[in-house]
Amino acid sequence: ILFSILFLTSSYSFTQTPTYTLTAKNFMRPAPDSLAFDIYLLHTNGTPSDTFQYAAGQYFFTFNPGFANGGTLSYKIVGSGLPQALQPRNPSISGSELRLAGNALVGAGNGPTISASSPGTLIVKMSLKTSAGSFSGTEAFNLAWKNSTGIYTRIFAYIGNVNTEVTTPSTHFIDTATISISQISALVPVEYKIFQNYPNPFNPSTNIKFNIPKLSDVRIIVFDVTGKQVEELVNTKLAAGAYEFKWNAAKYSSGAYFYRIQAEGFIETKRMVLLK
């Protein structure tokens, strides 16, 4: 049962209304059938006298059910930076929605302070698994915040002594860097390797395959001919396996680019050409 958040409307002496960014990030693929990610809340106008005292939150996403690869999905909380009483509750899946119901209210003066230091306060760490053995290699996850219609993402803070909604959908973000990774094989490679992108030349998308022989922190960056980094494609921990990343370079100009993988001391760079 989804938790409905109520708030008082009496006249009180207000302090500064907090602003924030809400970000789903740190997407990880620890196994072919598993995806983990974090939800962070960052206070963006924090001062010593105007803190963000968290009251409650409910967190809703839309996604592509085809990503489950025909399997049944399970959605679980596996960690949080909040006290137990303030953590979101009842993770569930309904059609194309991932749902986290709101926490119980603890009263003004008892809510935790949301950090103003990046990346913010870890609201919750989530795990999504499919019974199919692996997520789809062709269907995109397409994760997005649900910010309107029906039951949707809402954030509340104690301002003075009042539990007040401060929801600002324009500051809700998805760090999509690692969602574009598809694990194309769970067979354990014998060595780290990054392959030549295909197609090459390309316009505007290309695929980059790479092998990871053990659980590793993996980073893949793209830079131009001057050596300037133009985009970070991957920055996450990946289980052993063969992976593929689809890069869309529609916003970049024609020319030569280089992509580099860094993983546990292994570094390799290859050249590619964007031809519009």
Protein backbone atom coordinates (compact mmCIF):
# COMPACT_ATOMS: atom_id res chain seq x y z
CA ILE A 1 0.00 0.00 0.00
CA LEU A 2 1.47 3.30 -1.07
CA PHE A 3 2.07 5.79 1.71
CA SER A 4 0.37 9.15 1.30
CA ILE A 5 2.24 12.15 2.74
CA LEU A 6 0.23 14.84 4.49
CA PHE A 7 1.55 18.21 5.61
CA LEU A 8 0.47 21.07 7.84
CA THR A 9 -0.62 24.45 6.49
CA SER A 10 -0.52 26.57 9.66
CA SER A 11 1.27 29.91 9.86
CA TYR A 12 4.84 29.57 11.12
CA SER A 13 8.09 31.48 10.91
CA PHE A 14 9.88 29.94 7.89
CA THR A 15 13.59 29.67 7.32
CA GLN A 16 15.00 29.45 3.81
CA THR A 17 13.30 26.91 1.56
CA PRO A 18 15.90 24.30 0.59
CA THR A 19 16.74 23.57 -3.02
CA TYR A 20 18.19 20.26 -4.13
CA THR A 21 19.20 17.87 -6.86
CA LEU A 22 17.86 14.32 -6.85
CA THR A 23 20.00 11.90 -8.86
CA ALA A 24 19.88 8.21 -9.67
CA LYS A 25 23.51 7.25 -10.27
CA ASN A 26 26.29 4.69 -9.76
CA PHE A 27 24.61 2.09 -11.96
CA MET A 28 26.41 -1.25 -11.63
CA ARG A 29 26.07 -4.60 -13.39
CA PRO A 30 27.45 -7.06 -10.78
CA ALA A 31 25.95 -10.02 -12.68
CA PRO A 32 24.12 -10.60 -16.01
CA ASP A 33 20.77 -10.72 -14.19
CA SER A 34 21.45 -7.87 -11.75
CA LEU A 35 21.46 -4.09 -11.82
CA ALA A 36 22.19 -1.88 -8.81
CA PHE A 37 21.98 1.89 -8.46
CA ASP A 38 21.92 4.66 -5.86
CA ILE A 39 19.53 7.56 -5.25
CA TYR A 40 21.23 10.68 -3.86
CA LEU A 41 19.68 13.89 -2.55
CA LEU A 42 22.02 16.92 -2.53
CA HIS A 43 21.21 20.21 -0.75
CA THR A 44 22.16 22.96 -3.21
CA ASN A 45 21.58 26.17 -1.23
CA GLY A 46 22.92 25.00 2.10
CA THR A 47 24.22 27.47 4.68
CA PRO A 48 25.09 26.97 8.38
CA SER A 49 21.83 28.67 9.39
CA ASP A 50 19.59 27.19 6.67
CA THR A 51 19.87 23.43 6.63
CA PHE A 52 17.74 20.93 4.75
CA GLN A 53 15.95 18.89 7.41
CA TYR A 54 14.52 15.91 5.54
CA ALA A 55 10.92 15.03 6.36
CA ALA A 56 9.89 12.45 3.78
CA GLY A 57 10.17 11.31 0.19
CA GLN A 58 8.61 8.89 -2.27
CA TYR A 59 10.53 7.84 -5.37
CA PHE A 60 8.97 6.66 -8.62
CA PHE A 61 10.52 5.75 -11.98
CA THR A 62 9.24 4.64 -15.35
CA PHE A 63 11.24 2.07 -17.34
CA ASN A 64 11.03 -0.28 -20.30
CA PRO A 65 9.68 -3.69 -19.11
CA GLY A 66 11.31 -5.31 -22.15
CA PHE A 67 14.63 -4.85 -20.34
CA ALA A 68 13.60 -7.81 -18.11
CA ASN A 69 14.19 -10.11 -21.11
CA GLY A 70 10.93 -11.96 -20.49
CA GLY A 71 11.73 -12.66 -16.83
CA THR A 72 10.05 -11.62 -13.60
CA LEU A 73 11.64 -8.63 -11.91
CA SER A 74 12.42 -8.19 -8.22
CA TYR A 75 13.15 -4.76 -6.74
CA LYS A 76 14.81 -4.45 -3.33
CA ILE A 77 16.42 -1.94 -0.99
CA VAL A 78 19.98 -3.04 -0.19
CA GLY A 79 21.31 0.00 1.66
CA SER A 80 20.66 3.59 2.76
CA GLY A 81 22.36 6.57 4.39
CA LEU A 82 19.18 7.43 6.28
CA PRO A 83 18.04 6.17 9.69
CA GLN A 84 15.76 3.14 9.42
CA ALA A 85 12.61 5.14 10.25
CA LEU A 86 13.31 7.65 7.47
CA GLN A 87 14.04 5.16 4.70
CA PRO A 88 11.56 4.75 1.83
CA ARG A 89 9.35 1.69 2.12
CA ASN A 90 7.64 -1.05 0.14
CA PRO A 91 9.68 -1.26 -3.09
CA SER A 92 7.43 -2.61 -5.81
CA ILE A 93 6.99 -2.91 -9.57
CA SER A 94 3.75 -2.10 -11.35
CA GLY A 95 3.77 -2.43 -15.12
CA SER A 96 6.39 0.03 -16.34
CA GLU A 97 6.95 1.67 -12.94
CA LEU A 98 9.48 1.14 -10.15
CA ARG A 99 7.98 2.39 -6.88
CA LEU A 100 9.29 3.37 -3.46
CA ALA A 101 6.63 4.50 -0.99
CA GLY A 102 7.19 7.29 1.49
CA ASN A 103 8.62 6.89 4.97
CA ALA A 104 6.85 7.46 8.27
CA LEU A 105 7.03 11.02 9.61
CA VAL A 106 9.21 11.59 12.69
CA GLY A 107 8.33 15.21 13.46
CA ALA A 108 10.18 18.51 13.14
CA GLY A 109 13.57 18.47 14.85
CA ASN A 110 13.95 14.73 14.34
CA GLY A 111 14.63 14.63 10.60
CA PRO A 112 18.18 14.07 9.29
CA THR A 113 20.12 16.89 7.64
CA ILE A 114 20.65 16.44 3.90
CA SER A 115 24.28 16.95 2.95
CA ALA A 116 25.34 19.99 0.92
CA SER A 117 28.57 18.21 -0.10
CA SER A 118 28.57 16.25 -3.36
CA PRO A 119 27.17 13.69 -4.02
CA GLY A 120 24.75 14.41 -1.15
CA THR A 121 22.95 12.01 1.18
CA LEU A 122 22.40 8.44 0.05
CA ILE A 123 18.65 8.04 0.23
CA VAL A 124 18.69 4.43 -0.83
CA LYS A 125 20.69 1.83 -2.74
CA MET A 126 18.48 -0.35 -4.95
CA SER A 127 18.84 -3.78 -6.55
CA LEU A 128 16.87 -4.88 -9.62
CA LYS A 129 17.01 -8.50 -10.79
CA THR A 130 15.39 -10.54 -13.53
CA SER A 131 14.55 -14.26 -13.36
CA ALA A 132 15.49 -14.59 -17.06
CA GLY A 133 19.18 -15.17 -16.25
CA SER A 134 20.25 -11.90 -17.86
CA PHE A 135 18.80 -8.56 -18.82
CA SER A 136 18.04 -7.96 -22.48
CA GLY A 137 20.95 -7.14 -24.74
CA THR A 138 18.70 -5.33 -27.22
CA GLU A 139 16.04 -3.60 -25.10
CA ALA A 140 17.15 -0.36 -23.42
CA PHE A 141 16.36 0.22 -19.73
CA ASN A 142 14.98 3.73 -20.44
CA LEU A 143 14.85 4.67 -16.77
CA ALA A 144 13.23 8.06 -16.06
CA TRP A 145 11.85 9.84 -13.02
CA LYS A 146 8.07 9.87 -12.79
CA ASN A 147 7.41 13.50 -11.89
CA SER A 148 3.68 13.91 -12.58
CA THR A 149 0.36 12.11 -13.04
CA GLY A 150 -1.07 9.81 -10.42
CA ILE A 151 1.42 8.89 -7.72
CA TYR A 152 4.85 10.35 -8.46
CA THR A 153 8.17 11.45 -6.97
CA ARG A 154 7.77 13.94 -4.11
CA ILE A 155 10.22 15.46 -1.59
CA PHE A 156 9.31 17.06 1.75
CA ALA A 157 11.36 19.10 4.23
CA TYR A 158 10.75 20.59 7.65
CA ILE A 159 10.81 24.37 7.22
CA GLY A 160 10.50 25.94 10.64
CA ASN A 161 8.17 23.46 12.30
CA VAL A 162 6.16 22.71 9.17
CA ASN A 163 6.41 19.63 6.96
CA THR A 164 6.48 21.28 3.52
CA GLU A 165 6.63 19.89 0.01
CA VAL A 166 9.68 21.18 -1.87
CA THR A 167 9.41 18.93 -4.96
CA THR A 168 11.21 20.44 -7.97
CA PRO A 169 11.03 18.05 -10.98
CA SER A 170 13.51 20.14 -13.00
CA THR A 171 16.27 19.10 -10.58
CA HIS A 172 15.60 15.35 -10.84
CA PHE A 173 18.30 13.61 -12.91
CA ILE A 174 19.36 10.19 -14.16
CA ASP A 175 23.10 9.59 -14.57
CA THR A 176 22.69 7.38 -17.62
CA ALA A 177 26.37 6.69 -18.33
CA THR A 178 26.30 3.00 -17.42
CA ILE A 179 22.69 2.20 -18.35
CA SER A 180 23.82 1.93 -21.98
CA ILE A 181 26.07 -1.03 -21.16
CA SER A 182 24.83 -4.45 -22.28
CA GLN A 183 26.49 -7.62 -20.98
CA ILE A 184 26.67 -9.81 -24.08
CA SER A 185 28.33 -12.80 -22.39
CA ALA A 186 28.87 -14.04 -18.84
CA LEU A 187 31.73 -16.29 -19.91
CA VAL A 188 34.87 -15.19 -18.11
CA PRO A 189 37.42 -13.69 -20.54
CA VAL A 190 41.08 -14.52 -20.01
CA GLU A 191 42.23 -10.90 -20.23
CA TYR A 192 41.20 -7.27 -20.39
CA LYS A 193 40.54 -6.16 -23.94
CA ILE A 194 38.78 -3.41 -25.84
CA PHE A 195 37.84 -3.99 -29.47
CA GLN A 196 37.67 -1.71 -32.48
CA ASN A 197 34.34 0.09 -32.55
CA TYR A 198 31.81 -0.80 -35.21
CA PRO A 199 30.70 0.61 -37.52
CA ASN A 200 33.74 2.77 -38.15
CA PRO A 201 33.43 5.39 -39.63
CA PHE A 202 30.01 5.93 -38.02
CA ASN A 203 27.10 8.39 -38.00
CA PRO A 204 25.97 9.09 -35.35
CA SER A 205 26.14 5.89 -33.22
CA THR A 206 28.77 3.22 -32.80
CA ASN A 207 29.29 0.15 -30.60
CA ILE A 208 32.29 -0.46 -28.37
CA LYS A 209 32.91 -4.00 -27.09
CA PHE A 210 35.24 -4.81 -24.20
CA ASN A 211 36.17 -7.78 -22.00
CA ILE A 212 36.57 -7.80 -18.21
CA PRO A 213 38.20 -10.94 -16.69
CA LYS A 214 37.27 -10.17 -13.05
CA LEU A 215 35.18 -7.78 -10.96
CA SER A 216 36.74 -4.42 -11.77
CA ASP A 217 36.33 -0.67 -11.62
CA VAL A 218 36.03 0.24 -15.30
CA ARG A 219 36.34 3.65 -16.92
CA ILE A 220 35.99 4.40 -20.63
CA ILE A 221 36.50 7.95 -21.89
CA VAL A 222 36.38 9.62 -25.31
CA PHE A 223 38.73 12.46 -26.24
CA ASP A 224 39.39 14.48 -29.38
CA VAL A 225 42.57 14.89 -31.43
CA THR A 226 43.80 17.65 -29.11
CA GLY A 227 43.64 15.30 -26.13
CA LYS A 228 40.62 17.03 -24.59
CA GLN A 229 38.14 14.70 -22.90
CA VAL A 230 34.73 15.10 -24.53
CA GLU A 231 32.72 12.41 -22.73
CA GLU A 232 32.98 9.75 -20.04
CA LEU A 233 31.08 6.70 -21.28
CA VAL A 234 31.62 4.32 -18.38
CA ASN A 235 32.68 4.79 -14.78
CA THR A 236 31.43 1.88 -12.70
CA LYS A 237 32.19 -1.55 -11.25
CA LEU A 238 31.49 -4.49 -13.56
CA ALA A 239 31.51 -8.25 -13.05
CA ALA A 240 33.62 -10.49 -15.28
CA GLY A 241 32.15 -10.80 -18.76
CA ALA A 242 31.97 -9.36 -22.25
CA TYR A 243 30.23 -6.00 -22.61
CA GLU A 244 29.10 -3.61 -25.30
CA PHE A 245 28.46 0.12 -25.05
CA LYS A 246 26.48 2.03 -27.68
CA TRP A 247 27.70 5.62 -27.98
CA ASN A 248 25.54 8.25 -29.66
CA ALA A 249 27.73 11.10 -30.91
CA ALA A 250 24.98 13.14 -32.54
CA LYS A 251 25.99 16.31 -30.68
CA TYR A 252 29.63 16.16 -31.80
CA SER A 253 31.29 17.36 -35.01
CA SER A 254 32.77 15.12 -37.68
CA GLY A 255 36.34 14.08 -37.11
CA ALA A 256 38.67 11.63 -35.45
CA TYR A 257 38.15 10.67 -31.82
CA PHE A 258 39.88 8.28 -29.45
CA TYR A 259 38.41 6.03 -26.79
CA ARG A 260 40.36 4.64 -23.85
CA ILE A 261 39.60 1.93 -21.31
CA GLN A 262 41.13 1.94 -17.82
CA ALA A 263 40.56 -1.08 -15.58
CA GLU A 264 42.67 -2.32 -12.69
CA GLY A 265 45.93 -1.07 -14.23
CA PHE A 266 45.00 -2.03 -17.80
CA ILE A 267 44.91 0.87 -20.29
CA GLU A 268 44.27 0.69 -24.03
CA THR A 269 43.31 3.35 -26.58
CA LYS A 270 41.75 3.07 -30.05
CA ARG A 271 40.85 5.55 -32.79
CA MET A 272 37.43 6.04 -34.38
CA VAL A 273 35.99 8.40 -36.97
CA LEU A 274 32.67 10.27 -36.85
CA LEU A 275 31.60 11.09 -40.41
CA LYS A 276 28.43 13.14 -40.84
